[in-house]
Protein backbone atom coordinates (compact mmCIF):
# COMPACT_ATOMS: atom_id res chain seq x y z
CA MET A 1 -41.56 -18.68 62.14
CA ASP A 2 -40.43 -14.92 60.67
CA LEU A 3 -40.33 -15.64 56.95
CA GLY A 4 -38.63 -12.06 56.26
CA ARG A 5 -36.37 -12.25 59.62
CA THR A 6 -34.73 -15.79 58.10
CA LEU A 7 -34.52 -14.52 54.77
CA ARG A 8 -32.53 -11.38 55.87
CA LYS A 9 -30.17 -13.78 57.86
CA TRP A 10 -29.11 -15.86 55.21
CA GLY A 11 -28.72 -12.59 52.78
CA GLY A 12 -30.43 -9.51 53.21
CA VAL A 13 -33.13 -10.07 50.47
CA ARG A 14 -36.76 -8.76 51.09
CA ILE A 15 -39.63 -11.18 49.63
CA GLY A 16 -42.57 -9.49 47.96
CA PRO A 17 -46.16 -10.46 49.50
CA LYS A 18 -46.72 -12.87 46.44
CA ALA A 19 -43.45 -14.73 47.29
CA GLU A 20 -44.15 -14.86 51.43
CA VAL A 21 -47.89 -15.98 50.65
CA VAL A 22 -46.90 -19.09 48.30
CA GLY A 23 -44.40 -19.87 51.02
CA CYS A 24 -46.72 -19.95 53.89
CA GLU A 25 -49.13 -22.19 51.85
CA ARG A 26 -46.34 -24.68 51.02
CA GLU A 27 -45.35 -24.54 54.76
CA ARG A 28 -49.25 -25.73 55.88
CA GLU A 29 -49.50 -28.38 53.03
CA THR A 30 -46.22 -29.99 53.94
CA SER A 31 -46.94 -29.72 57.91
CA ARG A 32 -50.00 -31.66 57.15
CA ARG A 33 -48.39 -34.10 55.03
CA LEU A 34 -45.47 -34.69 57.53
CA VAL A 35 -47.70 -35.19 60.54
CA HIS A 36 -48.76 -38.47 59.23
CA ILE A 37 -45.41 -39.90 58.08
CA PRO A 38 -44.92 -42.78 60.47
CA ILE A 39 -41.48 -42.69 63.07
CA ARG A 40 -40.08 -46.09 63.49
CA THR A 41 -38.39 -46.54 66.92
CA PRO A 42 -36.86 -49.25 68.76
CA THR A 43 -39.19 -51.21 70.63
CA SER A 44 -36.22 -53.20 72.94
CA PRO A 45 -33.30 -51.25 73.10
CA SER A 46 -30.14 -53.25 73.66
CA ARG A 47 -28.55 -53.35 77.16
CA GLY A 48 -26.82 -50.46 78.31
CA SER A 49 -28.37 -48.30 75.56
CA VAL A 50 -30.45 -45.38 76.39
CA PRO A 51 -33.49 -45.03 74.69
CA MET A 52 -34.21 -42.34 72.25
CA PRO A 53 -37.02 -39.89 72.55
CA ARG A 54 -39.38 -40.03 70.01
CA PRO A 55 -39.57 -36.49 68.20
CA SER A 56 -42.95 -35.06 68.18
CA SER A 57 -44.43 -34.15 65.05
CA HIS A 58 -44.33 -30.63 66.02
CA SER A 59 -40.51 -30.80 66.03
CA LEU A 60 -40.53 -32.58 63.16
CA ALA A 61 -42.92 -30.24 60.91
CA THR A 62 -40.86 -27.23 61.98
CA ALA A 63 -37.29 -28.89 61.01
CA CYS A 64 -38.74 -29.63 57.93
CA ILE A 65 -40.25 -26.09 57.37
CA SER A 66 -36.75 -24.49 58.30
CA LEU A 67 -35.01 -26.60 55.47
CA LEU A 68 -37.97 -25.52 53.11
CA VAL A 69 -37.13 -21.75 53.99
CA ILE A 70 -33.76 -22.23 53.64
CA LEU A 71 -33.80 -23.81 50.43
CA LEU A 72 -36.34 -21.11 49.31
CA ALA A 73 -34.13 -18.48 50.31
CA ALA A 74 -30.95 -20.19 48.16
CA ARG A 75 -33.20 -19.91 45.25
CA LEU A 76 -34.62 -15.99 45.48
CA ILE A 77 -31.27 -14.43 46.71
CA PRO A 78 -29.46 -13.92 43.67
CA HIS A 79 -25.85 -14.71 43.73
CA PRO A 80 -23.28 -12.68 42.41
CA PRO A 81 -21.87 -13.04 38.96
CA GLN A 82 -19.12 -15.58 38.71
CA ARG A 83 -15.60 -14.11 38.12
CA GLU A 84 -14.04 -15.00 34.88
CA PRO A 85 -10.23 -16.58 34.91
CA ASP A 86 -7.50 -13.85 34.24
CA ASN A 87 -6.74 -15.49 30.92
CA VAL A 88 -10.40 -15.27 29.96
CA ASN A 89 -10.23 -11.72 28.91
CA MET A 90 -6.34 -11.07 28.45
CA VAL A 91 -6.16 -8.47 25.92
CA THR A 92 -7.50 -5.93 28.37
CA ALA A 93 -5.17 -6.92 31.04
CA LEU A 94 -2.38 -6.56 28.55
CA LYS A 95 0.18 -3.75 29.09
CA ASN A 96 1.45 -1.78 26.48
CA VAL A 97 4.75 -1.06 24.76
CA ILE A 98 4.67 1.41 22.15
CA VAL A 99 6.34 2.06 19.38
CA ILE A 100 5.84 4.94 17.18
CA GLY A 101 7.23 4.79 13.64
CA GLY A 102 6.78 1.83 11.13
CA SER A 103 9.84 2.66 9.05
CA TYR A 104 12.96 0.12 9.17
CA VAL A 105 14.20 1.18 12.55
CA GLY A 106 10.62 1.02 14.22
CA CYS A 107 9.71 -2.20 12.77
CA ALA A 108 13.06 -3.63 13.72
CA ALA A 109 12.23 -2.17 17.23
CA ALA A 110 8.72 -3.94 17.39
CA LYS A 111 9.95 -7.72 16.26
CA GLU A 112 12.83 -7.21 18.76
CA LEU A 113 10.48 -6.12 21.75
CA ALA A 114 7.69 -9.19 20.69
CA ASN A 115 10.48 -11.69 20.88
CA VAL A 116 11.35 -10.53 24.46
CA LEU A 117 8.34 -9.40 26.18
CA PRO A 118 6.76 -11.83 28.52
CA ALA A 119 3.13 -12.63 27.76
CA THR A 120 1.74 -9.70 30.05
CA HIS A 121 2.95 -7.37 27.66
CA ARG A 122 2.18 -6.31 23.98
CA VAL A 123 3.56 -4.42 21.54
CA LEU A 124 1.72 -1.95 19.63
CA LEU A 125 3.17 -0.04 16.36
CA VAL A 126 1.77 3.09 15.72
CA GLU A 127 1.95 4.17 12.19
CA PRO A 128 -0.16 5.97 9.78
CA HIS A 129 0.86 4.82 6.51
CA SER A 130 -1.28 1.73 5.39
CA HIS A 131 1.88 -0.24 4.09
CA PHE A 132 5.74 -0.10 5.10
CA HIS A 133 7.74 2.21 2.82
CA HIS A 134 10.72 0.43 1.22
CA LEU A 135 12.36 3.99 0.94
CA PHE A 136 15.76 2.47 -0.45
CA ALA A 137 13.99 1.94 -3.92
CA PHE A 138 11.96 5.22 -3.81
CA PRO A 139 14.55 7.05 -5.77
CA ARG A 140 15.02 4.70 -8.46
CA PHE A 141 11.09 3.97 -8.82
CA ALA A 142 10.76 7.56 -9.23
CA ILE A 143 12.60 7.20 -12.65
CA VAL A 144 11.98 3.53 -13.76
CA PRO A 145 8.37 2.37 -14.04
CA SER A 146 6.72 -0.79 -13.80
CA HIS A 147 7.93 -1.23 -10.14
CA GLU A 148 6.50 1.50 -7.95
CA HIS A 149 3.78 -0.94 -6.15
CA LYS A 150 6.57 -3.24 -5.00
CA ALA A 151 7.95 -0.33 -3.10
CA PHE A 152 5.12 -0.67 -0.32
CA ILE A 153 4.52 -4.07 1.56
CA PRO A 154 2.02 -5.18 3.85
CA TYR A 155 2.44 -5.21 7.28
CA THR A 156 0.55 -8.47 7.81
CA SER A 157 3.33 -10.38 8.87
CA LEU A 158 5.49 -8.07 10.70
CA PHE A 159 4.86 -10.40 14.38
CA SER A 160 4.53 -13.48 12.32
CA ALA A 161 7.90 -15.07 13.72
CA SER A 162 7.52 -13.73 17.35
CA PRO A 163 6.48 -16.14 20.26
CA ASN A 164 2.93 -15.11 20.55
CA PRO A 165 1.98 -13.30 17.16
CA SER A 166 -1.57 -12.89 18.12
CA LEU A 167 -0.90 -10.83 21.23
CA HIS A 168 0.65 -7.80 18.87
CA SER A 169 -0.94 -5.08 16.66
CA VAL A 170 -0.15 -2.50 14.06
CA VAL A 171 -2.19 0.59 14.85
CA ARG A 172 -2.78 3.02 11.76
CA ALA A 173 -2.76 6.20 13.28
CA SER A 174 -0.59 9.28 13.79
CA VAL A 175 0.80 10.14 17.47
CA LEU A 176 -0.29 13.73 17.75
CA GLU A 177 0.60 13.92 21.78
CA VAL A 178 3.19 12.19 24.23
CA HIS A 179 2.47 12.31 27.93
CA PRO A 180 4.33 10.41 30.62
CA SER A 181 2.00 7.65 30.58
CA ARG A 182 -0.15 7.76 27.50
CA VAL A 183 -0.17 8.96 24.03
CA VAL A 184 -2.94 10.68 21.77
CA LEU A 185 -3.93 9.38 18.50
CA ASP A 186 -5.46 10.87 15.55
CA ARG A 187 -8.09 8.63 15.25
CA PRO A 188 -9.81 6.15 17.53
CA PHE A 189 -7.91 2.49 18.37
CA SER A 190 -10.48 0.35 20.46
CA GLY A 191 -13.04 2.91 20.79
CA SER A 192 -10.70 5.81 22.24
CA THR A 193 -7.73 8.00 20.81
CA SER A 194 -6.36 7.82 24.31
CA LEU A 195 -3.68 4.78 24.57
CA GLU A 196 -1.86 4.20 27.77
CA TYR A 197 1.81 2.77 27.77
CA ASP A 198 4.13 1.39 30.41
CA TYR A 199 7.00 1.77 27.78
CA LEU A 200 7.55 4.07 25.16
CA ALA A 201 10.17 3.76 21.84
CA ILE A 202 10.47 6.39 19.66
CA ALA A 203 11.48 5.64 15.84
CA THR A 204 9.93 8.58 13.90
CA GLY A 205 12.82 9.15 11.48
CA THR A 206 13.18 11.89 9.41
CA ARG A 207 11.40 12.96 6.36
CA LEU A 208 12.57 14.32 3.06
CA PRO A 209 10.77 16.05 0.57
CA SER A 210 8.91 14.05 -2.53
CA PRO A 211 9.87 11.96 -4.18
CA GLY A 212 12.15 10.55 -1.08
CA SER A 213 9.15 10.01 0.94
CA MET A 214 5.52 9.99 0.33
CA GLN A 215 2.55 12.99 1.54
CA ASP A 216 0.12 9.86 1.13
CA GLU A 217 -0.80 7.61 3.64
CA ASP A 218 -2.44 4.78 1.54
CA LYS A 219 -0.61 2.78 -1.02
CA PRO A 220 -2.79 3.51 -4.35
CA LEU A 221 -2.40 7.29 -3.73
CA SER A 222 1.72 6.77 -3.39
CA VAL A 223 1.62 4.66 -6.68
CA SER A 224 -0.01 7.05 -8.60
CA TYR A 225 2.11 9.71 -7.37
CA PHE A 226 4.91 7.53 -8.45
CA GLN A 227 3.58 7.08 -11.92
CA GLU A 228 2.93 10.85 -12.21
CA TYR A 229 6.32 11.77 -11.21
CA GLN A 230 7.98 9.01 -13.73
CA LYS A 231 6.32 11.04 -16.38
CA LYS A 232 7.95 14.16 -15.52
CA VAL A 233 10.90 12.96 -15.51
CA LYS A 234 10.56 11.17 -19.12
CA THR A 235 9.50 14.42 -20.40
CA ALA A 236 11.80 16.77 -19.08
CA ARG A 237 15.10 17.59 -20.87
CA ARG A 238 17.01 19.97 -18.11
CA ILE A 239 16.97 18.61 -14.60
CA VAL A 240 18.41 20.13 -11.85
CA ILE A 241 18.75 17.93 -8.48
CA LEU A 242 19.26 19.87 -5.25
CA GLY A 243 21.19 18.03 -2.69
CA GLY A 244 24.41 15.73 -2.78
CA GLY A 245 23.50 12.79 -0.34
CA ALA A 246 22.78 9.43 -1.41
CA VAL A 247 19.06 10.30 -2.91
CA GLY A 248 20.29 12.94 -4.96
CA CYS A 249 23.56 11.27 -6.12
CA GLN A 250 21.55 8.11 -6.88
CA MET A 251 18.78 9.74 -8.54
CA ALA A 252 21.23 11.30 -10.97
CA CYS A 253 22.80 8.18 -11.90
CA ASP A 254 19.98 6.86 -12.89
CA ILE A 255 18.12 9.52 -14.68
CA LEU A 256 20.92 9.59 -17.25
CA GLU A 257 21.53 5.99 -17.37
CA VAL A 258 17.66 5.17 -18.62
CA TYR A 259 17.56 8.55 -20.35
CA PRO A 260 21.52 9.67 -21.42
CA ASP A 261 20.14 12.27 -23.96
CA LYS A 262 19.00 14.25 -20.78
CA GLU A 263 20.88 17.32 -19.26
CA VAL A 264 21.42 16.49 -15.52
CA THR A 265 22.76 19.24 -12.84
CA LEU A 266 23.59 18.09 -9.46
CA VAL A 267 23.82 21.06 -6.96
CA GLN A 268 25.71 20.51 -3.74
CA SER A 269 25.89 23.33 -1.07
CA ARG A 270 29.04 21.75 0.36
CA GLU A 271 32.28 21.16 -1.30
CA LYS A 272 32.05 17.47 -1.59
CA VAL A 273 29.09 15.22 -2.42
CA MET A 274 28.55 12.62 0.50
CA SER A 275 30.10 14.85 3.05
CA ARG A 276 29.30 12.80 5.90
CA PHE A 277 31.87 10.52 4.72
CA HIS A 278 35.47 10.16 3.79
CA GLU A 279 36.35 12.01 0.92
CA GLY A 280 36.74 9.06 -0.81
CA LEU A 281 33.10 8.24 -1.23
CA HIS A 282 33.20 11.91 -3.25
CA GLU A 283 35.87 10.63 -5.37
CA ILE A 284 34.02 7.31 -6.25
CA VAL A 285 30.86 9.13 -6.93
CA LYS A 286 32.66 11.94 -8.79
CA LYS A 287 34.22 9.62 -11.28
CA ARG A 288 30.62 8.11 -12.08
CA PHE A 289 29.12 11.08 -12.71
CA ASP A 290 31.97 11.88 -15.19
CA GLU A 291 31.21 8.56 -16.71
CA LEU A 292 27.61 9.32 -17.29
CA GLY A 293 27.87 13.47 -17.94
CA VAL A 294 26.19 14.51 -14.89
CA LYS A 295 27.28 18.30 -14.28
CA LEU A 296 28.19 18.82 -10.80
CA VAL A 297 28.01 22.32 -8.91
CA THR A 298 29.45 22.15 -5.46
CA GLY A 299 30.08 24.95 -2.60
CA SER A 300 26.88 26.72 -3.71
CA ARG A 301 23.39 26.86 -2.14
CA ALA A 302 20.35 26.56 -4.15
CA VAL A 303 17.56 29.66 -2.90
CA ILE A 304 14.08 27.09 -2.52
CA PRO A 305 10.74 28.80 -2.51
CA PRO A 306 8.74 28.00 0.97
CA ASN A 307 6.44 25.89 -1.01
CA GLY A 308 9.25 23.90 -2.84
CA PHE A 309 9.54 23.90 -6.70
CA PRO A 310 6.91 22.94 -8.61
CA LEU A 311 6.47 20.26 -10.85
CA GLU A 312 7.26 22.14 -14.02
CA PRO A 313 9.87 24.45 -15.88
CA THR A 314 11.29 26.91 -13.49
CA THR A 315 14.49 28.60 -12.67
CA VAL A 316 16.84 27.91 -9.85
CA THR A 317 18.88 30.78 -8.22
CA LEU A 318 22.16 29.98 -6.25
CA ALA A 319 23.19 31.90 -3.16
CA SER A 320 26.11 32.77 -5.62
CA GLY A 321 24.25 34.80 -8.05
CA GLN A 322 24.17 31.94 -10.55
CA SER A 323 21.02 30.72 -12.13
CA ILE A 324 20.20 27.25 -14.20
CA THR A 325 17.15 26.87 -15.97
CA ALA A 326 15.14 23.55 -15.45
CA ASP A 327 12.33 21.58 -16.54
CA LEU A 328 12.03 19.58 -13.31
CA VAL A 329 13.76 20.42 -10.00
CA ILE A 330 13.98 17.90 -7.53
CA THR A 331 14.79 18.55 -3.99
CA ALA A 332 16.91 15.69 -2.13
CA THR A 333 18.08 17.72 1.01
CA GLY A 334 16.46 18.94 4.11
CA GLN A 335 15.98 15.99 5.96
CA THR A 336 13.65 17.06 9.22
CA PRO A 337 13.10 15.04 12.38
CA ASN A 338 9.47 13.79 12.91
CA THR A 339 9.36 14.87 16.58
CA ALA A 340 6.52 17.64 16.61
CA PHE A 341 4.33 15.23 18.67
CA LEU A 342 6.96 15.66 21.70
CA SER A 343 6.29 18.97 22.58
CA THR A 344 3.40 18.03 24.99
CA LEU A 345 6.08 16.10 26.94
CA SER A 346 7.29 18.50 29.55
CA PRO A 347 11.48 18.51 29.92
CA THR A 348 12.70 18.36 33.42
CA SER A 349 16.27 18.92 32.24
CA PRO A 350 18.20 22.11 31.48
CA SER A 351 18.62 20.80 27.67
CA GLY A 352 15.42 20.24 27.09
CA ILE A 353 13.97 17.05 25.52
CA LEU A 354 15.09 18.03 21.94
CA THR A 355 18.16 19.16 20.13
CA PRO A 356 17.90 23.01 18.53
CA SER A 357 17.70 20.80 15.23
CA GLY A 358 14.83 18.97 16.58
CA PHE A 359 16.24 15.19 17.05
CA VAL A 360 15.32 13.71 20.52
CA ARG A 361 18.23 13.77 23.49
CA VAL A 362 19.24 10.56 24.56
CA PHE A 363 21.85 8.26 26.70
CA PRO A 364 23.70 5.61 25.47
CA THR A 365 20.91 3.37 26.45
CA LEU A 366 18.79 5.06 24.25
CA GLN A 367 16.43 6.34 27.08
CA LEU A 368 15.53 9.90 27.13
CA ALA A 369 18.37 12.45 28.43
CA ASP A 370 15.97 13.31 31.05
CA GLY A 371 15.69 11.35 34.35
CA ALA A 372 12.14 12.06 34.95
CA TYR A 373 11.27 9.63 31.79
CA PRO A 374 13.35 6.31 31.78
CA HIS A 375 10.35 4.30 30.42
CA ILE A 376 10.62 6.29 27.36
CA PHE A 377 13.30 5.91 24.36
CA ALA A 378 14.20 7.16 21.30
CA LEU A 379 16.29 5.35 18.33
CA GLY A 380 17.06 5.36 14.70
CA ASP A 381 17.46 8.44 12.78
CA VAL A 382 15.30 10.59 15.11
CA ALA A 383 17.55 9.97 18.28
CA ASP A 384 20.70 12.51 18.81
CA SER A 385 22.41 9.25 19.85
CA GLY A 386 26.25 10.28 17.85
CA ALA A 387 25.71 6.80 15.48
CA HIS A 388 25.35 7.43 11.63
CA LYS A 389 21.62 7.95 10.73
CA ALA A 390 20.93 4.68 8.72
CA ALA A 391 18.61 1.47 8.93
CA ARG A 392 21.73 -0.89 9.92
CA PRO A 393 22.97 1.12 13.29
CA GLY A 394 19.16 1.46 13.93
CA GLY A 395 18.75 -2.30 13.44
CA ALA A 396 21.15 -2.80 16.39
CA GLN A 397 19.92 0.01 18.76
CA ALA A 398 16.58 -2.12 18.50
CA VAL A 399 18.16 -4.88 20.26
CA VAL A 400 19.63 -2.73 22.84
CA MET A 401 16.53 -0.80 23.60
CA ALA A 402 14.59 -4.03 23.84
CA LYS A 403 17.36 -5.50 26.12
CA ASN A 404 16.41 -2.36 28.49
CA VAL A 405 12.77 -2.51 28.46
CA VAL A 406 12.94 -6.11 29.52
CA ALA A 407 15.56 -4.84 32.35
CA LEU A 408 13.44 -2.50 33.58
CA LEU A 409 10.22 -4.44 33.53
CA GLU A 410 12.07 -6.88 35.81
CA GLY A 411 13.27 -4.40 38.27
CA LYS A 412 16.72 -4.00 36.89
CA GLN A 413 18.66 -1.03 35.93
CA ALA A 414 18.85 -0.28 32.15
CA GLU A 415 22.92 -0.90 31.19
CA GLU A 416 23.08 -2.09 27.45
CA LYS A 417 24.26 0.92 25.57
CA ILE A 418 24.80 0.99 22.00
CA VAL A 419 28.15 0.79 20.34
CA VAL A 420 28.80 3.83 17.83
CA SER A 421 30.42 2.65 14.88
CA PRO A 422 31.97 4.09 11.72
CA PRO A 423 29.38 5.48 9.20
CA ALA A 424 28.87 3.09 6.31
CA ILE A 425 26.59 2.80 3.11
CA HIS A 426 25.47 0.57 0.42
CA MET A 427 24.45 2.89 -2.50
CA SER A 428 23.58 2.74 -6.07
CA LEU A 429 25.29 4.59 -8.75
CA GLY A 430 23.19 3.44 -11.59
CA LEU A 431 21.05 0.39 -12.47
CA THR A 432 23.81 -1.98 -11.78
CA LYS A 433 26.69 -0.58 -10.54
CA ASN A 434 26.93 0.17 -6.74
CA THR A 435 29.26 0.65 -4.00
CA VAL A 436 29.78 -0.77 -0.39
CA PHE A 437 31.77 2.17 1.54
CA ARG A 438 32.65 2.30 5.28
CA ASN A 439 34.36 4.96 7.17
CA PRO A 440 37.83 4.27 8.63
CA ASP A 441 37.56 3.14 12.31
CA ALA A 442 39.73 5.56 14.32
CA ALA A 443 39.25 3.15 17.59
CA GLN A 444 41.07 0.82 15.45
CA GLY A 445 43.79 2.72 14.32
CA GLU A 446 42.14 3.15 10.76
CA THR A 447 43.13 6.07 8.44
CA GLU A 448 42.09 4.78 5.44
CA PRO A 449 38.10 3.84 4.40
CA TRP A 450 37.15 0.27 2.95
CA PHE A 451 35.00 0.13 0.01
CA LYS A 452 33.91 -2.28 -2.67
CA LEU A 453 32.60 -1.81 -6.32
CA LYS A 454 30.33 -4.09 -7.52
CA ASP A 455 28.42 -4.67 -10.47
CA ASP A 456 25.30 -6.89 -9.50
CA GLY A 457 22.33 -4.67 -9.07
CA THR A 458 19.15 -5.08 -10.96
CA GLU A 459 16.46 -2.47 -12.15
CA ASN A 460 13.92 -3.50 -9.66
CA MET A 461 16.64 -3.60 -6.96
CA ASN A 462 15.50 -7.00 -6.08
CA ILE A 463 12.68 -5.75 -4.60
CA GLU A 464 11.12 -9.29 -4.52
CA GLY A 465 13.58 -10.09 -1.94
CA VAL A 466 12.47 -7.54 0.20
CA TRP A 467 9.06 -8.70 0.41
CA GLU A 468 10.36 -11.92 0.84
CA ARG A 469 12.32 -10.97 4.15
CA ARG A 470 9.57 -9.28 5.51
CA GLY A 471 8.15 -12.34 5.85
CA VAL A 472 5.53 -11.83 2.68
CA LYS A 473 4.50 -14.40 0.64
CA VAL A 474 3.83 -13.71 -2.78
CA ASN A 475 2.03 -16.34 -5.36
CA GLY A 476 2.00 -14.64 -8.16
CA PRO A 477 2.62 -10.56 -9.68
CA GLN A 478 -0.65 -9.34 -8.96
CA GLU A 479 -0.07 -9.91 -5.06
CA TYR A 480 2.39 -6.96 -5.20
CA HIS A 481 -0.29 -4.76 -5.68
CA LEU A 482 -1.86 -5.99 -2.15
């Protein structure tokens, strides 16, 4: 019998000489033993039956040897590794839906997606900051001490209420480049700086000069910045605030309520503060300025040095030629969209991906206004959607975006569209006084704004409630430092 030929027939495995010799020895010994096994056959067959031929010792030995060869081959031939079930290594098989930006709208987008995506997809929120930045409290905490560490909230509970929280992740990184099916990070995630995606949501917002936003990524450094800034505010006698938006107006009121002996001047390039709103809001703010003693200069733009004003005494020169001496200048103007990373995404439409001012062009479905990228969305302040740039309308946009992603995933058209509502705001006008204001809704025939004046604010702006709403349970004061 040709052992090599038989083994090749059963799997093409070649047996080495040693194995072949051992096999032959076993064949001969088995053959000797089998020859002496008695075979019983019927001595008196029943009527009509055919007598069974007695097998020879040679044929029995041959059959047994063949069986042994087969068993030997089965043991020597390597078996292919068993394939793991598809759900064993589920993470590597998951498809990515990436959200860029972890502020209010980015977090809302990530949570909405995590609630509606099938188990085949995971949400990756890409954000360079170690903690969520509660920007609404920044103007207050830059002035009032003891609460600054509470403005930075861990991301640990972001997905805790979603159906499959363990599938999704917060990726601490910055996006350097966006391509049609992948993004490039500034640091590795799972061993690579290239991260593929099926769908992408851009919610990077805009940035303000400090203290309206932080330059540092880590919580301890940002807390230290606030503490140093508070000292600058406390020691400065003459403070000039540039910008008549919400941040500038709120800081002017807070400073004079905490330090009523200071001299505070607010410079606004337009004729009215809060110029994106009905003039009724200007009147409300102006009345509060008069109560506190804020000096208001309107209709003249300040000349800002290329590197900004130093945190030390200086002179502010206005375009009108007027000069104002200041111990501290607070710049609260010039919101810039965070879209530099989109320069690597080639436009296919003549208008381009971005507006001249750097915002992302989008359809009412929040998809990029470029037919080549129906799987890429932009929402919140960074999007040129026509909506008021604030957290509340951004939250509604997150719902629209998530529904459209699911529709595309199911092979349908993205048909959900945003509804642009009149601008509205809730802003503080001191430690306790605040107002809720909404522009008139022309679609409903309104000509006058709606507003409500309130006096129910707190020094820490109810920051504990913000932690609770973000799902972070705090068992003691020290845990706000986490």
